[in-house]
Amino acid sequence: MQRYFFHIRERNELELDVEGVEFADDAAARMGAISAAKEMVVEAVVGDAEIDGRQLEVMSSGGDLVAVVSLQSVIKI
């Protein structure tokens, strides 16, 4: 298991995830980020907040960028 960090970027601001979550591999971490982004979309809709420009940047514990998941990309219309 490896630790991955889901940093939240909103336009030019970056909120760092200091705890991280353990996943078996990069693919599992990316799927975890997609699930987290979906939860964030639901929270935004309920809270009447914008999602435009918000994304999760998935970083490995080694500092490698594994994936970028925008909140808009998880919405199916």
PDB file of N, CA and C in Angstrom:
ATOM      1  N   MET A   1       0.847  -1.182   0.000  1.00  0.00           N
ATOM      2  CA  MET A   1       0.000   0.000   0.000  1.00  0.00           C
ATOM      3  C   MET A   1       0.892   1.245   0.000  1.00  0.00           C
ATOM      4  N   GLN A   2       0.461   2.212  -0.745  1.00  0.00           N
ATOM      5  CA  GLN A   2       1.190   3.472  -0.837  1.00  0.00           C
ATOM      6  C   GLN A   2       0.249   4.607  -0.459  1.00  0.00           C
ATOM      7  N   ARG A   3       0.790   5.649   0.123  1.00  0.00           N
ATOM      8  CA  ARG A   3      -0.022   6.802   0.520  1.00  0.00           C
ATOM      9  C   ARG A   3      -0.096   7.799  -0.640  1.00  0.00           C
ATOM     10  N   TYR A   4      -1.315   8.301  -0.855  1.00  0.00           N
ATOM     11  CA  TYR A   4      -1.581   9.297  -1.894  1.00  0.00           C
ATOM     12  C   TYR A   4      -2.253  10.494  -1.253  1.00  0.00           C
ATOM     13  N   PHE A   5      -1.994  11.653  -1.817  1.00  0.00           N
ATOM     14  CA  PHE A   5      -2.538  12.901  -1.293  1.00  0.00           C
ATOM     15  C   PHE A   5      -3.440  13.539  -2.336  1.00  0.00           C
ATOM     16  N   PHE A   6      -4.634  13.946  -1.919  1.00  0.00           N
ATOM     17  CA  PHE A   6      -5.604  14.578  -2.808  1.00  0.00           C
ATOM     18  C   PHE A   6      -5.616  16.074  -2.517  1.00  0.00           C
ATOM     19  N   HIS A   7      -4.758  16.812  -3.201  1.00  0.00           N
ATOM     20  CA  HIS A   7      -4.716  18.260  -3.035  1.00  0.00           C
ATOM     21  C   HIS A   7      -5.867  18.868  -3.837  1.00  0.00           C
ATOM     22  N   ILE A   8      -6.471  19.900  -3.286  1.00  0.00           N
ATOM     23  CA  ILE A   8      -7.601  20.545  -3.955  1.00  0.00           C
ATOM     24  C   ILE A   8      -7.134  21.876  -4.534  1.00  0.00           C
ATOM     25  N   ARG A   9      -7.279  21.995  -5.849  1.00  0.00           N
ATOM     26  CA  ARG A   9      -6.933  23.244  -6.512  1.00  0.00           C
ATOM     27  C   ARG A   9      -8.221  23.939  -6.934  1.00  0.00           C
ATOM     28  N   GLU A  10      -8.302  25.215  -6.573  1.00  0.00           N
ATOM     29  CA  GLU A  10      -9.417  26.050  -7.008  1.00  0.00           C
ATOM     30  C   GLU A  10      -8.823  27.290  -7.644  1.00  0.00           C
ATOM     31  N   ARG A  11      -8.836  27.274  -8.958  1.00  0.00           N
ATOM     32  CA  ARG A  11      -8.179  28.300  -9.775  1.00  0.00           C
ATOM     33  C   ARG A  11      -6.710  28.388  -9.396  1.00  0.00           C
ATOM     34  N   ASN A  12      -6.258  29.452  -8.786  1.00  0.00           N
ATOM     35  CA  ASN A  12      -4.823  29.601  -8.486  1.00  0.00           C
ATOM     36  C   ASN A  12      -4.459  29.234  -7.051  1.00  0.00           C
ATOM     37  N   GLU A  13      -5.422  28.761  -6.262  1.00  0.00           N
ATOM     38  CA  GLU A  13      -5.148  28.402  -4.872  1.00  0.00           C
ATOM     39  C   GLU A  13      -5.067  26.892  -4.730  1.00  0.00           C
ATOM     40  N   LEU A  14      -4.175  26.435  -3.868  1.00  0.00           N
ATOM     41  CA  LEU A  14      -3.991  25.008  -3.655  1.00  0.00           C
ATOM     42  C   LEU A  14      -4.113  24.699  -2.167  1.00  0.00           C
ATOM     43  N   GLU A  15      -5.063  23.809  -1.834  1.00  0.00           N
ATOM     44  CA  GLU A  15      -5.248  23.352  -0.453  1.00  0.00           C
ATOM     45  C   GLU A  15      -4.594  21.976  -0.351  1.00  0.00           C
ATOM     46  N   LEU A  16      -3.556  21.886   0.467  1.00  0.00           N
ATOM     47  CA  LEU A  16      -2.795  20.648   0.563  1.00  0.00           C
ATOM     48  C   LEU A  16      -3.463  19.634   1.478  1.00  0.00           C
ATOM     49  N   ASP A  17      -3.488  18.400   1.045  1.00  0.00           N
ATOM     50  CA  ASP A  17      -3.933  17.270   1.855  1.00  0.00           C
ATOM     51  C   ASP A  17      -2.707  16.790   2.621  1.00  0.00           C
ATOM     52  N   VAL A  18      -2.700  16.951   3.927  1.00  0.00           N
ATOM     53  CA  VAL A  18      -1.526  16.576   4.716  1.00  0.00           C
ATOM     54  C   VAL A  18      -1.634  15.164   5.291  1.00  0.00           C
ATOM     55  N   GLU A  19      -2.839  14.588   5.267  1.00  0.00           N
ATOM     56  CA  GLU A  19      -3.024  13.241   5.818  1.00  0.00           C
ATOM     57  C   GLU A  19      -2.826  12.153   4.783  1.00  0.00           C
ATOM     58  N   GLY A  20      -3.456  12.300   3.641  1.00  0.00           N
ATOM     59  CA  GLY A  20      -3.363  11.292   2.597  1.00  0.00           C
ATOM     60  C   GLY A  20      -4.208  10.068   2.899  1.00  0.00           C
ATOM     61  N   VAL A  21      -4.263   9.181   1.914  1.00  0.00           N
ATOM     62  CA  VAL A  21      -5.039   7.946   1.993  1.00  0.00           C
ATOM     63  C   VAL A  21      -4.208   6.849   1.339  1.00  0.00           C
ATOM     64  N   GLU A  22      -4.292   5.641   1.867  1.00  0.00           N
ATOM     65  CA  GLU A  22      -3.529   4.534   1.290  1.00  0.00           C
ATOM     66  C   GLU A  22      -4.341   3.804   0.233  1.00  0.00           C
ATOM     67  N   PHE A  23      -3.672   3.510  -0.890  1.00  0.00           N
ATOM     68  CA  PHE A  23      -4.253   2.740  -1.988  1.00  0.00           C
ATOM     69  C   PHE A  23      -3.229   1.728  -2.459  1.00  0.00           C
ATOM     70  N   ALA A  24      -3.709   0.699  -3.129  1.00  0.00           N
ATOM     71  CA  ALA A  24      -2.830  -0.358  -3.622  1.00  0.00           C
ATOM     72  C   ALA A  24      -1.912   0.127  -4.734  1.00  0.00           C
ATOM     73  N   ASP A  25      -2.431   1.017  -5.608  1.00  0.00           N
ATOM     74  CA  ASP A  25      -1.631   1.481  -6.740  1.00  0.00           C
ATOM     75  C   ASP A  25      -2.214   2.777  -7.297  1.00  0.00           C
ATOM     76  N   ASP A  26      -1.565   3.292  -8.340  1.00  0.00           N
ATOM     77  CA  ASP A  26      -1.990   4.560  -8.945  1.00  0.00           C
ATOM     78  C   ASP A  26      -3.423   4.497  -9.464  1.00  0.00           C
ATOM     79  N   ALA A  27      -3.788   3.373 -10.085  1.00  0.00           N
ATOM     80  CA  ALA A  27      -5.140   3.239 -10.646  1.00  0.00           C
ATOM     81  C   ALA A  27      -6.198   3.312  -9.547  1.00  0.00           C
ATOM     82  N   ALA A  28      -5.937   2.660  -8.433  1.00  0.00           N
ATOM     83  CA  ALA A  28      -6.882   2.695  -7.308  1.00  0.00           C
ATOM     84  C   ALA A  28      -6.968   4.106  -6.725  1.00  0.00           C
ATOM     85  N   ALA A  29      -5.851   4.806  -6.670  1.00  0.00           N
ATOM     86  CA  ALA A  29      -5.854   6.182  -6.165  1.00  0.00           C
ATOM     87  C   ALA A  29      -6.660   7.086  -7.092  1.00  0.00           C
ATOM     88  N   ARG A  30      -6.529   6.877  -8.395  1.00  0.00           N
ATOM     89  CA  ARG A  30      -7.298   7.674  -9.360  1.00  0.00           C
ATOM     90  C   ARG A  30      -8.789   7.411  -9.194  1.00  0.00           C
ATOM     91  N   MET A  31      -9.176   6.160  -9.009  1.00  0.00           N
ATOM     92  CA  MET A  31     -10.595   5.836  -8.787  1.00  0.00           C
ATOM     93  C   MET A  31     -11.086   6.447  -7.480  1.00  0.00           C
ATOM     94  N   GLY A  32     -10.235   6.464  -6.467  1.00  0.00           N
ATOM     95  CA  GLY A  32     -10.581   7.108  -5.201  1.00  0.00           C
ATOM     96  C   GLY A  32     -10.789   8.601  -5.374  1.00  0.00           C
ATOM     97  N   ALA A  33      -9.974   9.216  -6.222  1.00  0.00           N
ATOM     98  CA  ALA A  33     -10.110  10.650  -6.491  1.00  0.00           C
ATOM     99  C   ALA A  33     -11.403  10.942  -7.241  1.00  0.00           C
ATOM    100  N   ILE A  34     -11.778  10.065  -8.154  1.00  0.00           N
ATOM    101  CA  ILE A  34     -13.041  10.241  -8.881  1.00  0.00           C
ATOM    102  C   ILE A  34     -14.209  10.159  -7.906  1.00  0.00           C
ATOM    103  N   SER A  35     -14.186   9.207  -6.999  1.00  0.00           N
ATOM    104  CA  SER A  35     -15.244   9.091  -5.988  1.00  0.00           C
ATOM    105  C   SER A  35     -15.291  10.328  -5.093  1.00  0.00           C
ATOM    106  N   ALA A  36     -14.127  10.811  -4.684  1.00  0.00           N
ATOM    107  CA  ALA A  36     -14.064  11.999  -3.843  1.00  0.00           C
ATOM    108  C   ALA A  36     -14.598  13.225  -4.587  1.00  0.00           C
ATOM    109  N   ALA A  37     -14.272  13.331  -5.868  1.00  0.00           N
ATOM    110  CA  ALA A  37     -14.755  14.459  -6.675  1.00  0.00           C
ATOM    111  C   ALA A  37     -16.272  14.424  -6.795  1.00  0.00           C
ATOM    112  N   LYS A  38     -16.843  13.227  -6.944  1.00  0.00           N
ATOM    113  CA  LYS A  38     -18.301  13.102  -7.007  1.00  0.00           C
ATOM    114  C   LYS A  38     -18.942  13.569  -5.706  1.00  0.00           C
ATOM    115  N   GLU A  39     -18.355  13.207  -4.587  1.00  0.00           N
ATOM    116  CA  GLU A  39     -18.864  13.657  -3.285  1.00  0.00           C
ATOM    117  C   GLU A  39     -18.772  15.182  -3.171  1.00  0.00           C
ATOM    118  N   MET A  40     -17.690  15.747  -3.674  1.00  0.00           N
ATOM    119  CA  MET A  40     -17.526  17.201  -3.627  1.00  0.00           C
ATOM    120  C   MET A  40     -18.570  17.899  -4.499  1.00  0.00           C
ATOM    121  N   VAL A  41     -18.932  17.295  -5.633  1.00  0.00           N
ATOM    122  CA  VAL A  41     -19.966  17.867  -6.499  1.00  0.00           C
ATOM    123  C   VAL A  41     -21.295  17.881  -5.762  1.00  0.00           C
ATOM    124  N   VAL A  42     -21.633  16.779  -5.107  1.00  0.00           N
ATOM    125  CA  VAL A  42     -22.891  16.715  -4.349  1.00  0.00           C
ATOM    126  C   VAL A  42     -22.911  17.792  -3.274  1.00  0.00           C
ATOM    127  N   GLU A  43     -21.825  17.928  -2.530  1.00  0.00           N
ATOM    128  CA  GLU A  43     -21.744  18.953  -1.485  1.00  0.00           C
ATOM    129  C   GLU A  43     -21.893  20.350  -2.075  1.00  0.00           C
ATOM    130  N   ALA A  44     -21.300  20.578  -3.237  1.00  0.00           N
ATOM    131  CA  ALA A  44     -21.386  21.885  -3.888  1.00  0.00           C
ATOM    132  C   ALA A  44     -22.820  22.182  -4.314  1.00  0.00           C
ATOM    133  N   VAL A  45     -23.500  21.180  -4.856  1.00  0.00           N
ATOM    134  CA  VAL A  45     -24.887  21.376  -5.293  1.00  0.00           C
ATOM    135  C   VAL A  45     -25.771  21.688  -4.089  1.00  0.00           C
ATOM    136  N   VAL A  46     -25.637  20.922  -3.027  1.00  0.00           N
ATOM    137  CA  VAL A  46     -26.441  21.136  -1.820  1.00  0.00           C
ATOM    138  C   VAL A  46     -26.127  22.496  -1.200  1.00  0.00           C
ATOM    139  N   GLY A  47     -24.862  22.880  -1.226  1.00  0.00           N
ATOM    140  CA  GLY A  47     -24.439  24.142  -0.626  1.00  0.00           C
ATOM    141  C   GLY A  47     -24.520  25.330  -1.556  1.00  0.00           C
ATOM    142  N   ASP A  48     -25.047  25.117  -2.769  1.00  0.00           N
ATOM    143  CA  ASP A  48     -25.190  26.180  -3.764  1.00  0.00           C
ATOM    144  C   ASP A  48     -23.849  26.847  -4.068  1.00  0.00           C
ATOM    145  N   ALA A  49     -22.797  26.030  -4.187  1.00  0.00           N
ATOM    146  CA  ALA A  49     -21.453  26.538  -4.484  1.00  0.00           C
ATOM    147  C   ALA A  49     -21.070  26.194  -5.924  1.00  0.00           C
ATOM    148  N   GLU A  50     -20.103  26.902  -6.440  1.00  0.00           N
ATOM    149  CA  GLU A  50     -19.613  26.647  -7.790  1.00  0.00           C
ATOM    150  C   GLU A  50     -18.568  25.538  -7.779  1.00  0.00           C
ATOM    151  N   ILE A  51     -18.500  24.803  -8.877  1.00  0.00           N
ATOM    152  CA  ILE A  51     -17.461  23.782  -9.013  1.00  0.00           C
ATOM    153  C   ILE A  51     -16.482  24.133 -10.119  1.00  0.00           C
ATOM    154  N   ASP A  52     -16.792  25.174 -10.869  1.00  0.00           N
ATOM    155  CA  ASP A  52     -15.958  25.574 -11.995  1.00  0.00           C
ATOM    156  C   ASP A  52     -14.540  25.866 -11.523  1.00  0.00           C
ATOM    157  N   GLY A  53     -13.574  25.214 -12.148  1.00  0.00           N
ATOM    158  CA  GLY A  53     -12.173  25.466 -11.824  1.00  0.00           C
ATOM    159  C   GLY A  53     -11.639  24.655 -10.665  1.00  0.00           C
ATOM    160  N   ARG A  54     -12.456  23.819 -10.036  1.00  0.00           N
ATOM    161  CA  ARG A  54     -11.989  23.010  -8.904  1.00  0.00           C
ATOM    162  C   ARG A  54     -11.551  21.644  -9.411  1.00  0.00           C
ATOM    163  N   GLN A  55     -10.439  21.165  -8.863  1.00  0.00           N
ATOM    164  CA  GLN A  55      -9.936  19.856  -9.253  1.00  0.00           C
ATOM    165  C   GLN A  55      -9.133  19.238  -8.126  1.00  0.00           C
ATOM    166  N   LEU A  56      -9.016  17.928  -8.181  1.00  0.00           N
ATOM    167  CA  LEU A  56      -8.171  17.187  -7.256  1.00  0.00           C
ATOM    168  C   LEU A  56      -6.880  16.832  -7.973  1.00  0.00           C
ATOM    169  N   GLU A  57      -5.769  17.104  -7.333  1.00  0.00           N
ATOM    170  CA  GLU A  57      -4.462  16.728  -7.867  1.00  0.00           C
ATOM    171  C   GLU A  57      -3.951  15.595  -6.987  1.00  0.00           C
ATOM    172  N   VAL A  58      -3.841  14.421  -7.561  1.00  0.00           N
ATOM    173  CA  VAL A  58      -3.438  13.230  -6.824  1.00  0.00           C
ATOM    174  C   VAL A  58      -1.923  13.090  -6.897  1.00  0.00           C
ATOM    175  N   MET A  59      -1.302  13.125  -5.735  1.00  0.00           N
ATOM    176  CA  MET A  59       0.159  13.017  -5.650  1.00  0.00           C
ATOM    177  C   MET A  59       0.535  11.767  -4.867  1.00  0.00           C
ATOM    178  N   SER A  60       1.547  11.058  -5.337  1.00  0.00           N
ATOM    179  CA  SER A  60       2.059   9.904  -4.597  1.00  0.00           C
ATOM    180  C   SER A  60       2.915  10.408  -3.438  1.00  0.00           C
ATOM    181  N   SER A  61       3.197   9.518  -2.517  1.00  0.00           N
ATOM    182  CA  SER A  61       4.049   9.900  -1.385  1.00  0.00           C
ATOM    183  C   SER A  61       5.450  10.269  -1.855  1.00  0.00           C
ATOM    184  N   GLY A  62       5.828   9.813  -3.042  1.00  0.00           N
ATOM    185  CA  GLY A  62       7.126  10.163  -3.616  1.00  0.00           C
ATOM    186  C   GLY A  62       7.138  11.500  -4.324  1.00  0.00           C
ATOM    187  N   GLY A  63       5.964  12.164  -4.380  1.00  0.00           N
ATOM    188  CA  GLY A  63       5.878  13.483  -4.993  1.00  0.00           C
ATOM    189  C   GLY A  63       5.522  13.481  -6.468  1.00  0.00           C
ATOM    190  N   ASP A  64       5.142  12.320  -7.006  1.00  0.00           N
ATOM    191  CA  ASP A  64       4.760  12.244  -8.418  1.00  0.00           C
ATOM    192  C   ASP A  64       3.283  12.592  -8.589  1.00  0.00           C
ATOM    193  N   LEU A  65       2.986  13.370  -9.625  1.00  0.00           N
ATOM    194  CA  LEU A  65       1.602  13.672  -9.966  1.00  0.00           C
ATOM    195  C   LEU A  65       1.020  12.442 -10.657  1.00  0.00           C
ATOM    196  N   VAL A  66       0.009  11.846 -10.048  1.00  0.00           N
ATOM    197  CA  VAL A  66      -0.588  10.608 -10.546  1.00  0.00           C
ATOM    198  C   VAL A  66      -1.794  10.900 -11.431  1.00  0.00           C
ATOM    199  N   ALA A  67      -2.600  11.880 -11.044  1.00  0.00           N
ATOM    200  CA  ALA A  67      -3.813  12.196 -11.806  1.00  0.00           C
ATOM    201  C   ALA A  67      -4.305  13.573 -11.425  1.00  0.00           C
ATOM    202  N   VAL A  68      -5.062  14.166 -12.347  1.00  0.00           N
ATOM    203  CA  VAL A  68      -5.781  15.402 -12.080  1.00  0.00           C
ATOM    204  C   VAL A  68      -7.233  15.119 -12.445  1.00  0.00           C
ATOM    205  N   VAL A  69      -8.133  15.314 -11.479  1.00  0.00           N
ATOM    206  CA  VAL A  69      -9.547  15.032 -11.688  1.00  0.00           C
ATOM    207  C   VAL A  69     -10.331  16.315 -11.427  1.00  0.00           C
ATOM    208  N   SER A  70     -10.881  16.906 -12.484  1.00  0.00           N
ATOM    209  CA  SER A  70     -11.700  18.100 -12.300  1.00  0.00           C
ATOM    210  C   SER A  70     -13.085  17.681 -11.838  1.00  0.00           C
ATOM    211  N   LEU A  71     -13.713  18.516 -11.046  1.00  0.00           N
ATOM    212  CA  LEU A  71     -15.064  18.201 -10.590  1.00  0.00           C
ATOM    213  C   LEU A  71     -16.028  18.137 -11.762  1.00  0.00           C
ATOM    214  N   GLN A  72     -15.821  18.976 -12.748  1.00  0.00           N
ATOM    215  CA  GLN A  72     -16.702  18.959 -13.921  1.00  0.00           C
ATOM    216  C   GLN A  72     -16.614  17.643 -14.684  1.00  0.00           C
ATOM    217  N   SER A  73     -15.473  17.001 -14.641  1.00  0.00           N
ATOM    218  CA  SER A  73     -15.281  15.774 -15.421  1.00  0.00           C
ATOM    219  C   SER A  73     -16.064  14.588 -14.880  1.00  0.00           C
ATOM    220  N   VAL A  74     -16.545  14.650 -13.645  1.00  0.00           N
ATOM    221  CA  VAL A  74     -17.262  13.511 -13.072  1.00  0.00           C
ATOM    222  C   VAL A  74     -18.777  13.650 -13.193  1.00  0.00           C
ATOM    223  N   ILE A  75     -19.234  14.744 -13.798  1.00  0.00           N
ATOM    224  CA  ILE A  75     -20.668  14.960 -13.968  1.00  0.00           C
ATOM    225  C   ILE A  75     -21.096  14.371 -15.309  1.00  0.00           C
ATOM    226  N   LYS A  76     -22.089  13.521 -15.266  1.00  0.00           N
ATOM    227  CA  LYS A  76     -22.639  12.918 -16.484  1.00  0.00           C
ATOM    228  C   LYS A  76     -23.984  13.571 -16.770  1.00  0.00           C
ATOM    229  N   ILE A  77     -24.085  14.224 -17.907  1.00  0.00           N
ATOM    230  CA  ILE A  77     -25.334  14.904 -18.265  1.00  0.00           C
ATOM    231  C   ILE A  77     -25.922  14.230 -19.485  1.00  0.00           C
TER     232      ILE A  77
END
